[in-house]
Amino acid sequence: MSFVCNACNFVISSAEERGEHYKSYWHRYNIKRSCELLPPVSKQAFEAKLSEISRENKAKEQKLKCDVCRKSFPSLKNYQHHLRSKRHLSKVASRSDRSGSSTPTVTVPKKTNNPTTTNIPTQTNPTNIGKPPGGAEFAVSDDAKDTQEHGGAAAAGGAAAGG
């Protein structure tokens, strides 16, 4: 007996394979895309996106290093906090005293708005990559908001009155 995952357009041959597929990041990604009325992504395209994201994150990690303390940092915020720390400042001061030169400069990578990477999320968590291209959010109409706000109260009142 074979099954078909409609979110991924993937043919599943056994119940065990179905369970594994439904737990996969690829399936979750395609479910999020289908909720936003986007077409599914093939497994090869999904794996290519994941490898590209991991390459970008590794490149970021390599850039956020303090040569004075020989430490690397996962985020720019952590790196900037380190630069203001007492330990870092004391190492910089002792290093400049020994060499007799001025304070060494440490470069911080600049944020760039590269249009080729706007469709690629910056986090490694694959469940966050189901956003539509350009990071656009879908809007909820005023009618839907009214239904959400007043429908719950009306439904609760109707259930209480009917009971």
N, C-alpha and C. Protein backbone atom coordinates (compact mmCIF):
# COMPACT_ATOMS: atom_id res chain seq x y z
N MET A 1 0.85 -1.18 0.00
CA MET A 1 0.00 0.00 0.00
C MET A 1 0.89 1.24 0.00
N SER A 2 0.57 2.19 -0.83
CA SER A 2 1.37 3.41 -0.88
C SER A 2 0.51 4.62 -0.52
N PHE A 3 1.17 5.60 0.05
CA PHE A 3 0.54 6.84 0.45
C PHE A 3 1.18 7.98 -0.31
N VAL A 4 0.47 9.11 -0.38
CA VAL A 4 1.04 10.30 -1.01
C VAL A 4 0.90 11.46 -0.03
N CYS A 5 1.99 12.14 0.20
CA CYS A 5 1.96 13.35 1.01
C CYS A 5 1.59 14.49 0.08
N ASN A 6 0.43 15.06 0.27
CA ASN A 6 -0.04 16.14 -0.61
C ASN A 6 0.76 17.43 -0.44
N ALA A 7 1.31 17.64 0.74
CA ALA A 7 2.08 18.86 0.98
C ALA A 7 3.41 18.83 0.23
N CYS A 8 3.99 17.64 0.08
CA CYS A 8 5.32 17.51 -0.53
C CYS A 8 5.29 16.87 -1.92
N ASN A 9 4.14 16.36 -2.34
CA ASN A 9 4.04 15.59 -3.58
C ASN A 9 5.03 14.43 -3.55
N PHE A 10 5.03 13.69 -2.44
CA PHE A 10 5.98 12.62 -2.20
C PHE A 10 5.23 11.32 -1.99
N VAL A 11 5.66 10.27 -2.69
CA VAL A 11 5.02 8.95 -2.57
C VAL A 11 5.71 8.19 -1.45
N ILE A 12 4.89 7.67 -0.53
CA ILE A 12 5.39 6.95 0.64
C ILE A 12 4.95 5.50 0.52
N SER A 13 5.89 4.58 0.69
CA SER A 13 5.59 3.17 0.44
C SER A 13 5.21 2.38 1.68
N SER A 14 5.53 2.85 2.88
CA SER A 14 5.19 2.09 4.08
C SER A 14 4.76 3.02 5.20
N ALA A 15 4.15 2.43 6.22
CA ALA A 15 3.70 3.22 7.36
C ALA A 15 4.89 3.78 8.13
N GLU A 16 5.97 3.01 8.20
CA GLU A 16 7.19 3.48 8.89
C GLU A 16 7.79 4.67 8.15
N GLU A 17 7.85 4.59 6.83
CA GLU A 17 8.38 5.70 6.03
C GLU A 17 7.49 6.93 6.16
N ARG A 18 6.18 6.69 6.25
CA ARG A 18 5.24 7.80 6.42
C ARG A 18 5.51 8.54 7.72
N GLY A 19 5.71 7.80 8.82
CA GLY A 19 6.01 8.42 10.10
C GLY A 19 7.29 9.23 10.06
N GLU A 20 8.32 8.69 9.43
CA GLU A 20 9.58 9.41 9.30
C GLU A 20 9.42 10.66 8.45
N HIS A 21 8.65 10.54 7.37
CA HIS A 21 8.46 11.70 6.49
C HIS A 21 7.72 12.81 7.22
N TYR A 22 6.66 12.47 7.93
CA TYR A 22 5.86 13.49 8.61
C TYR A 22 6.64 14.19 9.71
N LYS A 23 7.68 13.57 10.24
CA LYS A 23 8.51 14.19 11.27
C LYS A 23 9.68 14.98 10.68
N SER A 24 9.87 14.90 9.39
CA SER A 24 11.04 15.54 8.76
C SER A 24 10.86 17.05 8.65
N TYR A 25 12.00 17.74 8.66
CA TYR A 25 11.99 19.19 8.48
C TYR A 25 11.47 19.56 7.10
N TRP A 26 11.75 18.76 6.11
CA TRP A 26 11.29 19.02 4.74
C TRP A 26 9.76 19.06 4.70
N HIS A 27 9.11 18.09 5.35
CA HIS A 27 7.65 18.06 5.38
C HIS A 27 7.10 19.28 6.13
N ARG A 28 7.70 19.60 7.26
CA ARG A 28 7.24 20.77 8.03
C ARG A 28 7.38 22.05 7.22
N TYR A 29 8.48 22.16 6.50
CA TYR A 29 8.71 23.32 5.65
C TYR A 29 7.61 23.43 4.58
N ASN A 30 7.30 22.32 3.93
CA ASN A 30 6.26 22.33 2.90
C ASN A 30 4.87 22.57 3.48
N ILE A 31 4.61 22.11 4.68
CA ILE A 31 3.32 22.40 5.34
C ILE A 31 3.18 23.90 5.54
N LYS A 32 4.24 24.54 6.03
CA LYS A 32 4.19 25.99 6.23
C LYS A 32 4.00 26.71 4.90
N ARG A 33 4.65 26.23 3.86
CA ARG A 33 4.48 26.84 2.54
C ARG A 33 3.05 26.67 2.05
N SER A 34 2.46 25.50 2.27
CA SER A 34 1.09 25.28 1.80
C SER A 34 0.10 26.16 2.56
N CYS A 35 0.37 26.44 3.81
CA CYS A 35 -0.50 27.34 4.59
C CYS A 35 -0.47 28.75 4.03
N GLU A 36 0.63 29.10 3.38
CA GLU A 36 0.76 30.42 2.79
C GLU A 36 0.52 30.40 1.28
N LEU A 37 -0.10 29.32 0.84
CA LEU A 37 -0.48 29.12 -0.56
C LEU A 37 0.72 29.17 -1.51
N LEU A 38 1.85 28.64 -1.06
CA LEU A 38 3.04 28.55 -1.90
C LEU A 38 3.22 27.10 -2.34
N PRO A 39 3.81 26.89 -3.49
CA PRO A 39 4.00 25.51 -3.97
C PRO A 39 5.05 24.77 -3.14
N PRO A 40 4.98 23.45 -3.12
CA PRO A 40 5.97 22.68 -2.35
C PRO A 40 7.35 22.77 -2.99
N VAL A 41 8.36 22.50 -2.16
CA VAL A 41 9.75 22.52 -2.59
C VAL A 41 10.22 21.07 -2.63
N SER A 42 10.95 20.70 -3.66
CA SER A 42 11.47 19.34 -3.77
C SER A 42 12.50 19.09 -2.68
N LYS A 43 12.74 17.82 -2.39
CA LYS A 43 13.70 17.47 -1.35
C LYS A 43 15.10 17.97 -1.71
N GLN A 44 15.47 17.90 -3.00
CA GLN A 44 16.78 18.37 -3.43
C GLN A 44 16.92 19.88 -3.22
N ALA A 45 15.89 20.64 -3.57
CA ALA A 45 15.92 22.09 -3.39
C ALA A 45 15.98 22.44 -1.91
N PHE A 46 15.24 21.70 -1.08
CA PHE A 46 15.25 21.94 0.36
C PHE A 46 16.64 21.69 0.94
N GLU A 47 17.26 20.59 0.56
CA GLU A 47 18.60 20.27 1.05
C GLU A 47 19.62 21.29 0.57
N ALA A 48 19.44 21.80 -0.65
CA ALA A 48 20.34 22.84 -1.15
C ALA A 48 20.20 24.12 -0.32
N LYS A 49 18.97 24.47 0.04
CA LYS A 49 18.75 25.65 0.89
C LYS A 49 19.41 25.46 2.25
N LEU A 50 19.25 24.27 2.83
CA LEU A 50 19.85 24.01 4.14
C LEU A 50 21.37 24.11 4.09
N SER A 51 21.97 23.55 3.05
CA SER A 51 23.43 23.61 2.96
C SER A 51 23.90 25.04 2.74
N GLU A 52 23.14 25.83 1.99
CA GLU A 52 23.50 27.23 1.78
C GLU A 52 23.41 28.02 3.09
N ILE A 53 22.38 27.74 3.86
CA ILE A 53 22.21 28.41 5.15
C ILE A 53 23.36 28.05 6.09
N SER A 54 23.73 26.78 6.12
CA SER A 54 24.82 26.38 7.02
C SER A 54 26.14 26.98 6.57
N ARG A 55 26.36 27.11 5.26
CA ARG A 55 27.58 27.76 4.78
C ARG A 55 27.61 29.22 5.20
N GLU A 56 26.47 29.90 5.09
CA GLU A 56 26.40 31.31 5.49
C GLU A 56 26.66 31.47 6.98
N ASN A 57 26.10 30.57 7.77
CA ASN A 57 26.29 30.66 9.22
C ASN A 57 27.74 30.38 9.61
N LYS A 58 28.37 29.45 8.93
CA LYS A 58 29.78 29.18 9.20
C LYS A 58 30.63 30.38 8.83
N ALA A 59 30.29 31.05 7.73
CA ALA A 59 31.02 32.24 7.32
C ALA A 59 30.85 33.35 8.36
N LYS A 60 29.65 33.49 8.91
CA LYS A 60 29.41 34.49 9.95
C LYS A 60 30.23 34.19 11.19
N GLU A 61 30.26 32.90 11.58
CA GLU A 61 31.02 32.51 12.76
C GLU A 61 32.49 32.85 12.60
N GLN A 62 33.01 32.61 11.42
CA GLN A 62 34.43 32.86 11.18
C GLN A 62 34.73 34.36 11.23
N LYS A 63 33.80 35.19 10.88
CA LYS A 63 34.04 36.63 10.86
C LYS A 63 33.99 37.24 12.25
N LEU A 64 33.25 36.65 13.16
CA LEU A 64 33.08 37.22 14.49
C LEU A 64 34.11 36.63 15.46
N LYS A 65 35.34 37.04 15.28
CA LYS A 65 36.42 36.55 16.13
C LYS A 65 37.18 37.74 16.71
N CYS A 66 37.62 37.56 17.94
CA CYS A 66 38.47 38.54 18.58
C CYS A 66 39.89 37.99 18.53
N ASP A 67 40.76 38.64 17.80
CA ASP A 67 42.14 38.18 17.65
C ASP A 67 42.93 38.35 18.94
N VAL A 68 42.56 39.34 19.74
CA VAL A 68 43.27 39.61 20.99
C VAL A 68 43.02 38.47 21.98
N CYS A 69 41.75 38.08 22.15
CA CYS A 69 41.39 37.05 23.12
C CYS A 69 41.32 35.65 22.51
N ARG A 70 41.39 35.59 21.20
CA ARG A 70 41.29 34.31 20.46
C ARG A 70 39.98 33.60 20.77
N LYS A 71 38.89 34.35 20.65
CA LYS A 71 37.55 33.82 20.87
C LYS A 71 36.69 34.11 19.65
N SER A 72 35.71 33.23 19.41
CA SER A 72 34.74 33.49 18.35
C SER A 72 33.36 33.61 18.99
N PHE A 73 32.45 34.29 18.28
CA PHE A 73 31.15 34.62 18.85
C PHE A 73 30.03 34.28 17.88
N PRO A 74 28.91 33.76 18.41
CA PRO A 74 27.80 33.35 17.54
C PRO A 74 26.98 34.51 16.98
N SER A 75 27.02 35.65 17.65
CA SER A 75 26.22 36.78 17.16
C SER A 75 26.99 38.08 17.32
N LEU A 76 26.57 39.06 16.55
CA LEU A 76 27.19 40.38 16.60
C LEU A 76 27.00 41.01 17.98
N LYS A 77 25.85 40.79 18.58
CA LYS A 77 25.57 41.36 19.90
C LYS A 77 26.54 40.80 20.95
N ASN A 78 26.78 39.49 20.92
CA ASN A 78 27.73 38.87 21.85
C ASN A 78 29.13 39.42 21.62
N TYR A 79 29.48 39.58 20.37
CA TYR A 79 30.81 40.08 20.02
C TYR A 79 31.00 41.50 20.54
N GLN A 80 30.01 42.36 20.34
CA GLN A 80 30.10 43.74 20.80
C GLN A 80 30.15 43.80 22.33
N HIS A 81 29.40 42.93 22.98
CA HIS A 81 29.43 42.88 24.45
C HIS A 81 30.83 42.48 24.91
N HIS A 82 31.44 41.52 24.23
CA HIS A 82 32.79 41.10 24.57
C HIS A 82 33.78 42.25 24.44
N LEU A 83 33.64 43.05 23.39
CA LEU A 83 34.57 44.15 23.17
C LEU A 83 34.51 45.18 24.30
N ARG A 84 33.38 45.26 25.00
CA ARG A 84 33.24 46.20 26.12
C ARG A 84 33.60 45.57 27.47
N SER A 85 33.88 44.27 27.48
CA SER A 85 34.14 43.57 28.74
C SER A 85 35.47 43.97 29.36
N LYS A 86 35.56 43.84 30.68
CA LYS A 86 36.78 44.19 31.40
C LYS A 86 37.94 43.29 30.98
N ARG A 87 37.66 42.02 30.82
CA ARG A 87 38.71 41.08 30.46
C ARG A 87 39.34 41.44 29.10
N HIS A 88 38.49 41.74 28.12
CA HIS A 88 38.99 42.10 26.79
C HIS A 88 39.80 43.40 26.87
N LEU A 89 39.24 44.39 27.54
CA LEU A 89 39.92 45.68 27.63
C LEU A 89 41.27 45.57 28.34
N SER A 90 41.34 44.71 29.37
CA SER A 90 42.62 44.54 30.06
C SER A 90 43.64 43.83 29.17
N LYS A 91 43.18 42.86 28.37
CA LYS A 91 44.09 42.18 27.44
C LYS A 91 44.60 43.14 26.37
N VAL A 92 43.71 44.01 25.89
CA VAL A 92 44.11 44.99 24.89
C VAL A 92 45.14 45.95 25.49
N ALA A 93 44.92 46.38 26.73
CA ALA A 93 45.84 47.31 27.39
C ALA A 93 47.19 46.65 27.63
N SER A 94 47.21 45.41 28.10
CA SER A 94 48.48 44.74 28.36
C SER A 94 49.22 44.45 27.06
N ARG A 95 48.48 44.15 26.02
CA ARG A 95 49.10 43.88 24.73
C ARG A 95 49.76 45.15 24.16
N SER A 96 49.07 46.28 24.30
CA SER A 96 49.63 47.52 23.77
C SER A 96 50.81 47.99 24.61
N ASP A 97 50.80 47.68 25.93
CA ASP A 97 51.93 48.04 26.78
C ASP A 97 53.18 47.26 26.38
N ARG A 98 53.00 45.98 26.07
CA ARG A 98 54.14 45.15 25.69
C ARG A 98 54.72 45.55 24.35
N SER A 99 53.84 45.83 23.39
CA SER A 99 54.32 46.14 22.04
C SER A 99 54.65 47.61 21.87
N GLY A 100 54.15 48.45 22.76
CA GLY A 100 54.42 49.88 22.66
C GLY A 100 53.62 50.55 21.56
N SER A 101 52.68 49.86 20.98
CA SER A 101 51.87 50.44 19.91
C SER A 101 50.50 50.83 20.45
N SER A 102 49.73 51.44 19.61
CA SER A 102 48.39 51.86 20.01
C SER A 102 47.47 50.65 20.08
N THR A 103 46.25 50.88 20.50
CA THR A 103 45.26 49.83 20.64
C THR A 103 45.00 49.16 19.30
N PRO A 104 45.05 47.82 19.25
CA PRO A 104 44.80 47.13 17.98
C PRO A 104 43.35 47.30 17.56
N THR A 105 43.13 47.31 16.29
CA THR A 105 41.77 47.44 15.78
C THR A 105 41.20 46.07 15.50
N VAL A 106 39.93 45.93 15.80
CA VAL A 106 39.22 44.68 15.55
C VAL A 106 38.07 45.02 14.63
N THR A 107 37.98 44.32 13.51
CA THR A 107 36.95 44.66 12.53
C THR A 107 35.67 43.90 12.80
N VAL A 108 34.55 44.57 12.63
CA VAL A 108 33.23 43.98 12.77
C VAL A 108 32.61 43.93 11.39
N PRO A 109 32.08 42.76 10.97
CA PRO A 109 31.47 42.69 9.65
C PRO A 109 30.25 43.58 9.55
N LYS A 110 30.09 44.23 8.42
CA LYS A 110 28.95 45.10 8.20
C LYS A 110 27.78 44.28 7.69
N LYS A 111 26.57 44.74 8.06
CA LYS A 111 25.37 44.10 7.52
C LYS A 111 25.20 44.58 6.09
N THR A 112 24.92 43.63 5.21
CA THR A 112 24.70 44.00 3.82
C THR A 112 23.31 43.58 3.41
N ASN A 113 22.72 44.33 2.55
CA ASN A 113 21.42 43.98 1.99
C ASN A 113 21.65 43.37 0.62
N ASN A 114 22.02 42.13 0.62
CA ASN A 114 22.29 41.43 -0.62
C ASN A 114 20.98 40.89 -1.18
N PRO A 115 20.52 41.38 -2.32
CA PRO A 115 19.22 40.94 -2.84
C PRO A 115 19.19 39.46 -3.20
N THR A 116 20.32 38.83 -3.38
CA THR A 116 20.31 37.41 -3.74
C THR A 116 20.02 36.52 -2.55
N THR A 117 20.13 37.04 -1.34
CA THR A 117 19.89 36.22 -0.16
C THR A 117 18.61 36.60 0.58
N THR A 118 17.76 37.41 0.01
CA THR A 118 16.56 37.82 0.73
C THR A 118 15.59 36.67 0.93
N ASN A 119 15.63 35.65 0.10
CA ASN A 119 14.71 34.53 0.24
C ASN A 119 15.25 33.47 1.19
N ILE A 120 16.44 33.68 1.72
CA ILE A 120 17.06 32.68 2.56
C ILE A 120 17.07 33.20 3.99
N PRO A 121 16.50 32.44 4.93
CA PRO A 121 16.50 32.89 6.31
C PRO A 121 17.90 32.81 6.91
N THR A 122 18.10 33.54 8.00
CA THR A 122 19.43 33.61 8.58
C THR A 122 19.62 32.62 9.72
N GLN A 123 18.61 31.93 10.13
CA GLN A 123 18.74 30.98 11.21
C GLN A 123 18.90 29.58 10.67
N THR A 124 19.52 28.71 11.46
CA THR A 124 19.73 27.35 11.00
C THR A 124 18.53 26.47 11.25
N ASN A 125 17.60 26.90 12.05
CA ASN A 125 16.43 26.10 12.34
C ASN A 125 15.57 25.99 11.09
N PRO A 126 15.45 24.80 10.49
CA PRO A 126 14.73 24.66 9.23
C PRO A 126 13.24 24.98 9.34
N THR A 127 12.69 24.98 10.54
CA THR A 127 11.27 25.29 10.66
C THR A 127 10.99 26.77 10.45
N ASN A 128 12.02 27.62 10.44
CA ASN A 128 11.83 29.05 10.22
C ASN A 128 11.96 29.44 8.77
N ILE A 129 12.19 28.48 7.88
CA ILE A 129 12.44 28.86 6.50
C ILE A 129 11.19 28.73 5.63
N GLY A 130 10.02 28.65 6.24
CA GLY A 130 8.79 28.54 5.48
C GLY A 130 8.16 29.87 5.15
N LYS A 131 8.89 30.94 5.35
CA LYS A 131 8.33 32.27 5.07
C LYS A 131 8.32 32.51 3.57
N PRO A 132 7.34 33.29 3.09
CA PRO A 132 7.30 33.58 1.67
C PRO A 132 8.48 34.45 1.25
N PRO A 133 8.84 34.43 -0.03
CA PRO A 133 9.98 35.22 -0.50
C PRO A 133 9.82 36.69 -0.13
N GLY A 134 10.93 37.29 0.28
CA GLY A 134 10.93 38.71 0.64
C GLY A 134 10.45 38.96 2.05
N GLY A 135 10.13 37.89 2.80
CA GLY A 135 9.70 38.04 4.17
C GLY A 135 8.33 38.67 4.31
N ALA A 136 7.52 38.65 3.25
CA ALA A 136 6.21 39.28 3.31
C ALA A 136 5.30 38.50 4.23
N GLU A 137 4.49 39.20 4.95
CA GLU A 137 3.51 38.58 5.82
C GLU A 137 2.15 38.71 5.15
N PHE A 138 1.26 37.75 5.40
CA PHE A 138 -0.07 37.89 4.82
C PHE A 138 -0.94 38.65 5.79
N ALA A 139 -1.84 39.45 5.26
CA ALA A 139 -2.68 40.32 6.08
C ALA A 139 -3.99 39.62 6.40
N VAL A 140 -4.55 39.91 7.57
CA VAL A 140 -5.84 39.39 7.97
C VAL A 140 -6.86 40.50 7.72
N SER A 141 -7.92 40.17 7.01
CA SER A 141 -8.92 41.19 6.69
C SER A 141 -9.66 41.63 7.95
N ASP A 142 -10.29 42.80 7.87
CA ASP A 142 -11.04 43.33 9.00
C ASP A 142 -12.21 42.41 9.36
N ASP A 143 -12.83 41.78 8.33
CA ASP A 143 -13.93 40.86 8.60
C ASP A 143 -13.45 39.67 9.43
N ALA A 144 -12.27 39.17 9.08
CA ALA A 144 -11.72 38.02 9.81
C ALA A 144 -11.38 38.42 11.24
N LYS A 145 -10.87 39.64 11.43
CA LYS A 145 -10.55 40.11 12.78
C LYS A 145 -11.82 40.22 13.61
N ASP A 146 -12.91 40.76 13.00
CA ASP A 146 -14.16 40.88 13.72
C ASP A 146 -14.68 39.51 14.12
N THR A 147 -14.55 38.53 13.22
CA THR A 147 -15.01 37.18 13.50
C THR A 147 -14.21 36.58 14.65
N GLN A 148 -12.89 36.83 14.64
CA GLN A 148 -12.05 36.31 15.71
C GLN A 148 -12.40 36.96 17.04
N GLU A 149 -12.61 38.27 17.03
CA GLU A 149 -12.87 38.99 18.26
C GLU A 149 -14.26 38.70 18.82
N HIS A 150 -15.28 38.73 17.96
CA HIS A 150 -16.66 38.62 18.41
C HIS A 150 -17.21 37.22 18.27
N GLY A 151 -16.65 36.42 17.39
CA GLY A 151 -17.15 35.07 17.17
C GLY A 151 -16.98 34.19 18.37
N GLY A 152 -15.84 34.34 19.07
CA GLY A 152 -15.59 33.53 20.25
C GLY A 152 -16.59 33.84 21.35
N ALA A 153 -16.89 35.12 21.57
CA ALA A 153 -17.82 35.52 22.62
C ALA A 153 -19.25 35.09 22.25
N ALA A 154 -19.60 35.25 20.98
CA ALA A 154 -20.95 34.89 20.55
C ALA A 154 -21.15 33.39 20.62
N ALA A 155 -20.10 32.64 20.25
CA ALA A 155 -20.21 31.19 20.28
C ALA A 155 -20.31 30.71 21.71
N ALA A 156 -19.56 31.34 22.64
CA ALA A 156 -19.63 30.94 24.04
C ALA A 156 -20.99 31.27 24.61
N GLY A 157 -21.53 32.43 24.26
CA GLY A 157 -22.87 32.84 24.74
C GLY A 157 -23.94 31.92 24.21
N GLY A 158 -23.83 31.53 22.94
CA GLY A 158 -24.82 30.64 22.33
C GLY A 158 -24.77 29.26 22.96
N ALA A 159 -23.57 28.80 23.30
CA ALA A 159 -23.44 27.48 23.91
C ALA A 159 -24.01 27.49 25.33
N ALA A 160 -23.80 28.62 26.03
CA ALA A 160 -24.33 28.72 27.39
C ALA A 160 -25.84 28.81 27.38
N ALA A 161 -26.40 29.55 26.42
CA ALA A 161 -27.83 29.71 26.34
C ALA A 161 -28.50 28.42 25.91
N GLY A 162 -27.81 27.68 25.03
CA GLY A 162 -28.42 26.45 24.51
C GLY A 162 -28.34 25.31 25.50
N GLY A 163 -27.46 25.37 26.50
CA GLY A 163 -27.21 24.25 27.40
C GLY A 163 -28.19 24.23 28.50
